[in-house]
Protein backbone atom coordinates (compact mmCIF):
# COMPACT_ATOMS: atom_id res chain seq x y z
CA UNK A 1 0.00 0.00 0.00
CA UNK A 2 1.49 3.39 -1.01
CA UNK A 3 1.84 6.29 1.42
CA UNK A 4 -0.94 8.08 -0.44
CA UNK A 5 -3.22 5.07 -0.05
CA UNK A 6 -2.37 4.76 3.65
CA UNK A 7 -3.09 8.44 4.24
CA UNK A 8 -6.41 8.24 2.38
CA UNK A 9 -7.42 5.12 4.30
CA UNK A 10 -6.25 6.00 7.79
CA UNK A 11 -5.85 9.79 8.12
CA UNK A 12 -8.50 12.18 9.38
CA UNK A 13 -11.91 11.74 10.94
CA UNK A 14 -15.50 11.59 9.73
CA UNK A 15 -18.85 10.00 10.37
CA UNK A 16 -19.16 7.40 13.10
CA UNK A 17 -19.15 3.91 11.60
CA UNK A 18 -22.03 1.49 11.89
CA UNK A 19 -22.02 -0.28 15.22
CA UNK A 20 -19.69 2.26 16.85
CA UNK A 21 -22.20 4.93 17.84
CA UNK A 22 -23.27 5.90 21.35
CA UNK A 23 -25.26 8.52 23.26
CA UNK A 24 -23.23 11.71 22.67
CA UNK A 25 -25.39 13.66 25.13
CA UNK A 26 -24.55 11.15 27.87
CA UNK A 27 -20.86 11.46 26.99
CA UNK A 28 -21.04 15.27 27.13
CA UNK A 29 -22.64 15.05 30.56
CA UNK A 30 -19.81 12.81 31.78
CA UNK A 31 -17.14 15.07 30.27
CA UNK A 32 -18.64 18.07 32.04
CA UNK A 33 -18.34 16.21 35.33
CA UNK A 34 -14.85 14.74 34.84
CA UNK A 35 -12.78 16.94 32.49
CA UNK A 36 -11.72 20.32 33.80
CA UNK A 37 -12.82 23.29 31.67
CA UNK A 38 -14.92 21.14 29.34
CA UNK A 39 -17.72 23.14 27.75
CA UNK A 40 -20.08 22.00 24.99
CA UNK A 41 -21.78 21.75 22.67
CA UNK A 42 -20.09 18.51 21.66
CA UNK A 43 -19.66 17.13 18.15
CA UNK A 44 -18.25 13.62 17.71
CA UNK A 45 -16.38 12.21 14.72
CA UNK A 46 -14.54 8.91 14.35
CA UNK A 47 -10.96 8.64 13.18
CA UNK A 48 -10.41 6.38 10.18
CA UNK A 49 -7.53 4.67 12.00
CA UNK A 50 -7.81 2.68 15.21
CA UNK A 51 -7.67 -0.94 14.06
CA UNK A 52 -8.05 -2.28 17.60
CA UNK A 53 -9.59 0.41 19.80
CA UNK A 54 -12.09 2.76 18.12
CA UNK A 55 -10.84 6.33 18.36
CA UNK A 56 -12.97 9.48 18.19
CA UNK A 57 -12.46 13.22 17.81
CA UNK A 58 -14.48 15.18 20.37
CA UNK A 59 -14.99 18.72 19.08
CA UNK A 60 -16.10 21.68 21.18
CA UNK A 61 -16.06 25.43 20.42
CA UNK A 62 -12.93 25.94 22.53
CA UNK A 63 -10.84 22.83 21.80
CA UNK A 64 -10.81 19.26 20.60
CA UNK A 65 -10.13 16.06 22.50
CA UNK A 66 -9.45 12.44 21.53
CA UNK A 67 -11.37 9.51 23.02
CA UNK A 68 -10.27 5.88 22.80
CA UNK A 69 -12.65 3.13 23.81
CA UNK A 70 -12.87 -0.61 23.87
CA UNK A 71 -14.70 -1.94 20.81
CA UNK A 72 -18.21 -3.28 21.23
CA UNK A 73 -18.90 -6.98 21.04
CA UNK A 74 -17.12 -10.13 22.24
CA UNK A 75 -13.47 -9.46 23.13
CA UNK A 76 -10.51 -11.77 23.68
CA UNK A 77 -9.28 -11.93 27.27
CA UNK A 78 -6.58 -9.35 27.96
CA UNK A 79 -7.08 -7.46 24.69
CA UNK A 80 -8.13 -3.80 24.27
CA UNK A 81 -6.87 -2.77 27.72
CA UNK A 82 -7.46 0.96 27.35
CA UNK A 83 -7.16 1.31 31.14
CA UNK A 84 -3.47 0.45 30.77
CA UNK A 85 -3.08 2.96 27.94
CA UNK A 86 -4.46 5.68 30.18
CA UNK A 87 -2.20 4.76 33.06
CA UNK A 88 1.02 4.68 31.03
CA UNK A 89 0.26 7.96 29.24
CA UNK A 90 -0.31 9.69 32.58
CA UNK A 91 2.90 8.28 34.02
CA UNK A 92 5.11 8.99 31.03
CA UNK A 93 3.78 12.52 30.67
CA UNK A 94 4.77 13.18 34.26
CA UNK A 95 8.25 11.78 33.46
CA UNK A 96 8.73 14.26 30.61
CA UNK A 97 8.21 11.85 27.72
CA UNK A 98 6.27 13.19 24.68
CA UNK A 99 2.69 11.91 25.00
CA UNK A 100 -0.74 13.54 24.77
CA UNK A 101 -2.10 14.88 28.05
CA UNK A 102 -4.55 12.34 29.51
CA UNK A 103 -7.61 13.89 31.21
CA UNK A 104 -9.88 11.16 32.52
CA UNK A 105 -10.70 7.45 32.42
CA UNK A 106 -14.22 5.99 32.55
CA UNK A 107 -14.61 2.31 33.40
CA UNK A 108 -18.40 2.53 33.70
CA UNK A 109 -19.82 0.80 30.62
CA UNK A 110 -23.20 2.45 31.24
CA UNK A 111 -21.92 5.78 29.89
CA UNK A 112 -21.23 4.85 26.25
CA UNK A 113 -21.33 1.05 26.32
CA UNK A 114 -17.63 0.33 26.93
CA UNK A 115 -14.75 1.73 28.99
CA UNK A 116 -12.93 4.74 27.48
CA UNK A 117 -10.48 7.52 28.22
CA UNK A 118 -10.07 11.09 26.99
CA UNK A 119 -6.81 12.84 26.12
CA UNK A 120 -5.64 16.01 24.44
CA UNK A 121 -5.91 16.43 20.68
CA UNK A 122 -2.30 17.16 19.70
CA UNK A 123 -2.04 19.13 16.47
CA UNK A 124 0.89 18.29 14.24
CA UNK A 125 2.08 16.17 11.36
CA UNK A 126 1.68 12.41 10.89
CA UNK A 127 3.81 10.47 8.40
CA UNK A 128 1.91 7.48 7.06
CA UNK A 129 4.97 6.17 5.27
CA UNK A 130 8.10 5.33 7.26
CA UNK A 131 10.29 6.92 4.57
CA UNK A 132 8.82 10.24 5.78
CA UNK A 133 7.88 11.63 2.35
CA UNK A 134 7.98 15.35 1.69
CA UNK A 135 11.28 15.96 3.50
CA UNK A 136 14.63 16.72 1.92
CA UNK A 137 17.37 14.16 2.69
CA UNK A 138 19.12 16.22 5.39
CA UNK A 139 15.87 16.96 7.20
CA UNK A 140 14.76 13.34 6.86
CA UNK A 141 18.00 12.22 8.52
CA UNK A 142 17.26 14.56 11.46
CA UNK A 143 13.75 13.14 11.78
CA UNK A 144 15.13 9.59 11.89
CA UNK A 145 17.58 10.67 14.56
CA UNK A 146 14.68 12.12 16.56
CA UNK A 147 12.85 8.77 16.40
CA UNK A 148 16.00 6.99 17.51
CA UNK A 149 16.50 9.40 20.40
CA UNK A 150 12.85 9.11 21.47
CA UNK A 151 12.80 5.33 21.75
CA UNK A 152 16.13 5.46 23.59
CA UNK A 153 14.59 8.05 25.95
CA UNK A 154 11.65 5.73 26.62
CA UNK A 155 13.92 2.80 27.47
CA UNK A 156 15.93 4.99 29.86
CA UNK A 157 12.89 5.80 32.03
CA UNK A 158 13.04 4.11 35.43
CA UNK A 159 9.75 2.20 35.87
CA UNK A 160 9.97 2.54 39.66
CA UNK A 161 10.47 6.31 39.54
CA UNK A 162 7.63 6.60 37.01
CA UNK A 163 5.28 4.60 39.26
CA UNK A 164 5.15 1.81 36.69
CA UNK A 165 6.99 -0.89 38.63
CA UNK A 166 3.90 -3.14 38.47
CA UNK A 167 2.96 -2.24 34.89
CA UNK A 168 4.13 -5.68 33.76
CA UNK A 169 6.07 -8.66 35.03
CA UNK A 170 9.79 -7.98 34.77
CA UNK A 171 11.92 -10.79 33.38
CA UNK A 172 11.38 -13.62 30.87
CA UNK A 173 9.80 -11.15 28.45
CA UNK A 174 10.26 -13.15 25.26
CA UNK A 175 9.05 -16.39 26.80
CA UNK A 176 5.94 -14.71 28.15
CA UNK A 177 5.25 -12.83 24.92
CA UNK A 178 5.67 -15.91 22.75
CA UNK A 179 3.30 -17.81 25.04
CA UNK A 180 0.79 -14.96 24.97
CA UNK A 181 0.70 -14.45 21.20
CA UNK A 182 0.90 -18.16 20.40
CA UNK A 183 -2.03 -18.66 22.72
CA UNK A 184 -4.10 -15.86 21.19
CA UNK A 185 -3.26 -17.17 17.72
CA UNK A 186 -4.34 -20.70 18.67
CA UNK A 187 -7.40 -19.48 20.58
CA UNK A 188 -8.83 -17.52 17.67
CA UNK A 189 -9.97 -20.52 15.65
CA UNK A 190 -12.31 -18.38 13.56
CA UNK A 191 -9.28 -16.83 11.82
CA UNK A 192 -7.81 -20.18 10.73
CA UNK A 193 -4.21 -21.44 10.86
CA UNK A 194 -1.02 -20.90 8.85
CA UNK A 195 1.86 -23.38 8.54
CA UNK A 196 4.45 -20.60 8.96
CA UNK A 197 2.78 -19.35 12.14
CA UNK A 198 2.64 -22.89 13.55
CA UNK A 199 6.35 -23.34 12.75
CA UNK A 200 7.31 -20.05 14.41
CA UNK A 201 5.29 -20.88 17.52
CA UNK A 202 7.54 -23.93 17.96
CA UNK A 203 10.86 -22.39 16.80
CA UNK A 204 10.83 -19.14 18.79
CA UNK A 205 10.69 -20.48 22.36
CA UNK A 206 13.61 -22.81 21.59
CA UNK A 207 15.86 -19.96 20.39
CA UNK A 208 15.44 -17.18 22.98
CA UNK A 209 18.83 -15.45 23.44
CA UNK A 210 20.47 -15.40 26.87
CA UNK A 211 20.29 -12.31 29.05
CA UNK A 212 17.39 -10.34 30.41
CA UNK A 213 16.46 -6.68 30.84
CA UNK A 214 13.34 -4.76 31.76
CA UNK A 215 12.13 -1.32 30.69
CA UNK A 216 8.93 0.43 29.71
CA UNK A 217 8.29 -0.64 26.11
CA UNK A 218 5.81 0.82 23.64
CA UNK A 219 5.11 -2.30 21.60
CA UNK A 220 4.18 -0.54 18.33
CA UNK A 221 6.81 2.17 17.91
CA UNK A 222 6.72 3.34 14.28
CA UNK A 223 6.47 6.58 12.33
CA UNK A 224 2.70 6.66 11.94
CA UNK A 225 2.19 6.33 15.70
CA UNK A 226 3.80 9.71 16.29
CA UNK A 227 2.66 13.30 15.95
CA UNK A 228 5.47 15.51 14.72
CA UNK A 229 6.00 19.24 14.91
CA UNK A 230 4.77 20.81 11.67
CA UNK A 231 8.20 22.12 10.64
CA UNK A 232 10.81 20.73 13.06
CA UNK A 233 12.32 17.24 13.49
CA UNK A 234 10.63 16.96 16.87
CA UNK A 235 8.09 14.43 18.15
CA UNK A 236 5.22 16.07 20.03
CA UNK A 237 3.42 12.89 21.08
CA UNK A 238 3.85 9.14 20.72
CA UNK A 239 0.45 7.49 20.26
CA UNK A 240 -1.21 4.06 20.60
CA UNK A 241 0.06 2.52 23.84
CA UNK A 242 -2.24 -0.50 23.80
CA UNK A 243 0.66 -2.99 23.60
CA UNK A 244 2.91 -1.24 26.12
CA UNK A 245 4.23 -3.10 29.16
CA UNK A 246 7.43 -3.78 31.05
CA UNK A 247 9.57 -5.73 28.64
CA UNK A 248 12.92 -6.20 26.99
CA UNK A 249 14.04 -2.95 25.32
CA UNK A 250 15.68 -4.86 22.46
CA UNK A 251 12.33 -6.44 21.63
CA UNK A 252 10.82 -2.96 21.40
CA UNK A 253 13.66 -1.46 19.39
CA UNK A 254 13.80 -4.32 16.89
CA UNK A 255 10.04 -4.05 16.30
CA UNK A 256 10.80 -0.47 15.22
CA UNK A 257 13.70 -1.86 13.15
CA UNK A 258 11.35 -4.04 11.07
CA UNK A 259 10.90 -1.04 8.73
CA UNK A 260 14.26 -2.04 7.19
CA UNK A 261 13.05 -5.60 6.50
CA UNK A 262 9.45 -5.28 5.28
CA UNK A 263 8.15 -4.13 1.89
CA UNK A 264 6.17 -0.88 1.59
CA UNK A 265 2.76 -2.57 1.59
CA UNK A 266 3.38 -4.07 5.07
CA UNK A 267 3.10 -1.26 7.65
CA UNK A 268 5.07 1.08 5.44
CA UNK A 269 8.36 -0.78 5.41
CA UNK A 270 11.05 0.38 3.02
CA UNK A 271 13.05 -2.74 2.18
CA UNK A 272 14.82 -2.14 -1.14
CA UNK A 273 14.68 1.67 -0.97
CA UNK A 274 17.70 3.80 -1.88
CA UNK A 275 18.51 4.85 1.68
CA UNK A 276 21.44 7.11 0.78
CA UNK A 277 19.40 9.08 -1.74
CA UNK A 278 16.59 9.48 0.78
CA UNK A 279 18.87 10.50 3.63
CA UNK A 280 17.81 7.49 5.74
CA UNK A 281 20.57 5.95 7.85
CA UNK A 282 21.50 2.37 7.09
CA UNK A 283 20.26 -0.27 9.49
CA UNK A 284 23.76 -0.63 10.91
CA UNK A 285 23.99 3.14 11.47
CA UNK A 286 20.56 3.26 13.09
CA UNK A 287 21.42 0.35 15.39
CA UNK A 288 24.74 1.98 16.29
CA UNK A 289 23.03 5.26 17.21
CA UNK A 290 20.59 3.47 19.51
CA UNK A 291 23.39 1.44 21.08
CA UNK A 292 25.44 4.58 21.71
CA UNK A 293 22.45 6.26 23.36
CA UNK A 294 21.71 3.23 25.54
CA UNK A 295 25.28 2.21 26.39
CA UNK A 296 25.41 -1.01 24.36
CA UNK A 297 28.26 -2.55 22.40
CA UNK A 298 25.86 -3.92 19.77
CA UNK A 299 22.90 -6.26 19.29
CA UNK A 300 23.56 -9.98 18.95
CA UNK A 301 20.91 -12.43 17.70
CA UNK A 302 19.24 -9.74 15.61
CA UNK A 303 17.39 -12.24 13.42
CA UNK A 304 15.68 -13.80 16.45
CA UNK A 305 14.41 -10.42 17.62
CA UNK A 306 13.18 -9.53 14.14
CA UNK A 307 11.41 -12.85 13.55
CA UNK A 308 9.86 -12.65 17.01
CA UNK A 309 8.43 -9.22 16.23
CA UNK A 310 7.16 -10.31 12.83
CA UNK A 311 5.44 -13.29 14.45
CA UNK A 312 3.95 -11.05 17.11
CA UNK A 313 2.66 -8.56 14.56
CA UNK A 314 1.29 -11.39 12.44
CA UNK A 315 -0.55 -12.69 15.51
CA UNK A 316 -2.07 -9.25 15.99
CA UNK A 317 -3.25 -9.23 12.36
CA UNK A 318 -4.58 -12.75 12.88
CA UNK A 319 -6.65 -11.33 15.74
CA UNK A 320 -7.97 -8.59 13.47
CA UNK A 321 -8.97 -11.29 10.98
CA UNK A 322 -10.85 -13.06 13.75
CA UNK A 323 -12.69 -9.85 14.67
CA UNK A 324 -13.64 -9.42 11.02
CA UNK A 325 -15.14 -12.90 11.02
CA UNK A 326 -17.03 -12.10 14.24
CA UNK A 327 -18.09 -8.68 12.93
CA UNK A 328 -16.29 -6.61 15.60
CA UNK A 329 -13.31 -5.23 13.61
CA UNK A 330 -13.19 -1.50 14.44
CA UNK A 331 -12.04 -0.22 11.05
CA UNK A 332 -13.35 -0.85 7.54
CA UNK A 333 -9.71 -0.97 6.45
CA UNK A 334 -8.98 -4.03 8.56
CA UNK A 335 -9.18 -6.19 5.44
CA UNK A 336 -6.15 -4.40 3.96
CA UNK A 337 -4.07 -5.59 6.90
CA UNK A 338 -5.42 -9.12 6.85
CA UNK A 339 -4.38 -9.64 3.22
CA UNK A 340 -0.68 -9.36 4.15
CA UNK A 341 -0.86 -11.97 6.93
CA UNK A 342 0.45 -14.98 4.93
CA UNK A 343 3.29 -12.92 3.41
CA UNK A 344 4.33 -11.50 6.79
CA UNK A 345 4.36 -14.94 8.39
CA UNK A 346 6.51 -16.24 5.53
CA UNK A 347 9.00 -13.36 5.92
CA UNK A 348 9.18 -14.05 9.65
CA UNK A 349 10.01 -17.70 9.05
CA UNK A 350 12.61 -16.85 6.43
CA UNK A 351 14.21 -14.34 8.81
CA UNK A 352 14.38 -16.97 11.54
CA UNK A 353 16.05 -19.40 9.13
CA UNK A 354 18.77 -16.96 8.07
């Protein structure tokens, strides 16, 4: 999928989709009681994006807000934990990390039908293609360096000091993650099975590298989950914290590194692009910059980390396929993700076999 296609499919907001509506008057009443300085009237639109948790633009005469909610319908256990998103955004904002200001969380399903939270609407620029189109090579290089610095900043945050010591279970991150995503993949029988996914579910736990670390990890750190300053190589807010937890920072960084290994039609990868002409650092240069910022000598077992992340992302897409079958997928564009599932699983297996 081209960057233009991705922007057309996922950018902006509009009418609320079928099955995702709610009582806007009831929401406005709740906002008036729980969000300081809120004043209606309220107009609600739904963002085109939000594959997992439906996301809405709340418009008032004075300002706009963003609301993320759990999707309606039957949900897999442990999925769509918007309560965790709210908690981590609050904590990281207090620690000086670039996130949207979180205002309030509602766990009372009687208000709009599911739990939700409200945060600030950050105005800025979103790049739907990880090559960051529209920038000259020198400026693009500065933007890549800003992404590198931001993920290194996240991994340097002390979970204890940020009041996130119990945000996840420290230690054995890869074993727990492989068990989790293998289980969700196997549990969602409606979405079917793939030979490559079955193979990876057996190969990965037998090849976990030695050593263990724990940090706050984002889980989906990529260019289109960031709001950038309109003219500067500066990230104003990192978005979409649904998959965040305490985990191994190399797992998080190498998920971000997948952009070097995937084709453009799979989450905007740029495998095969002319990096020098674009001003994008090579993978080795990007890894070296992260290692310098985080005090590492290098990253061994890179292919394991990459194949693990590809498997994990494929399992997420597999879950989206299952929600499509059940009729609870939150975006009409979910089908565009599901079509790449077999190819992504095959790339993951090939990466593991390298």
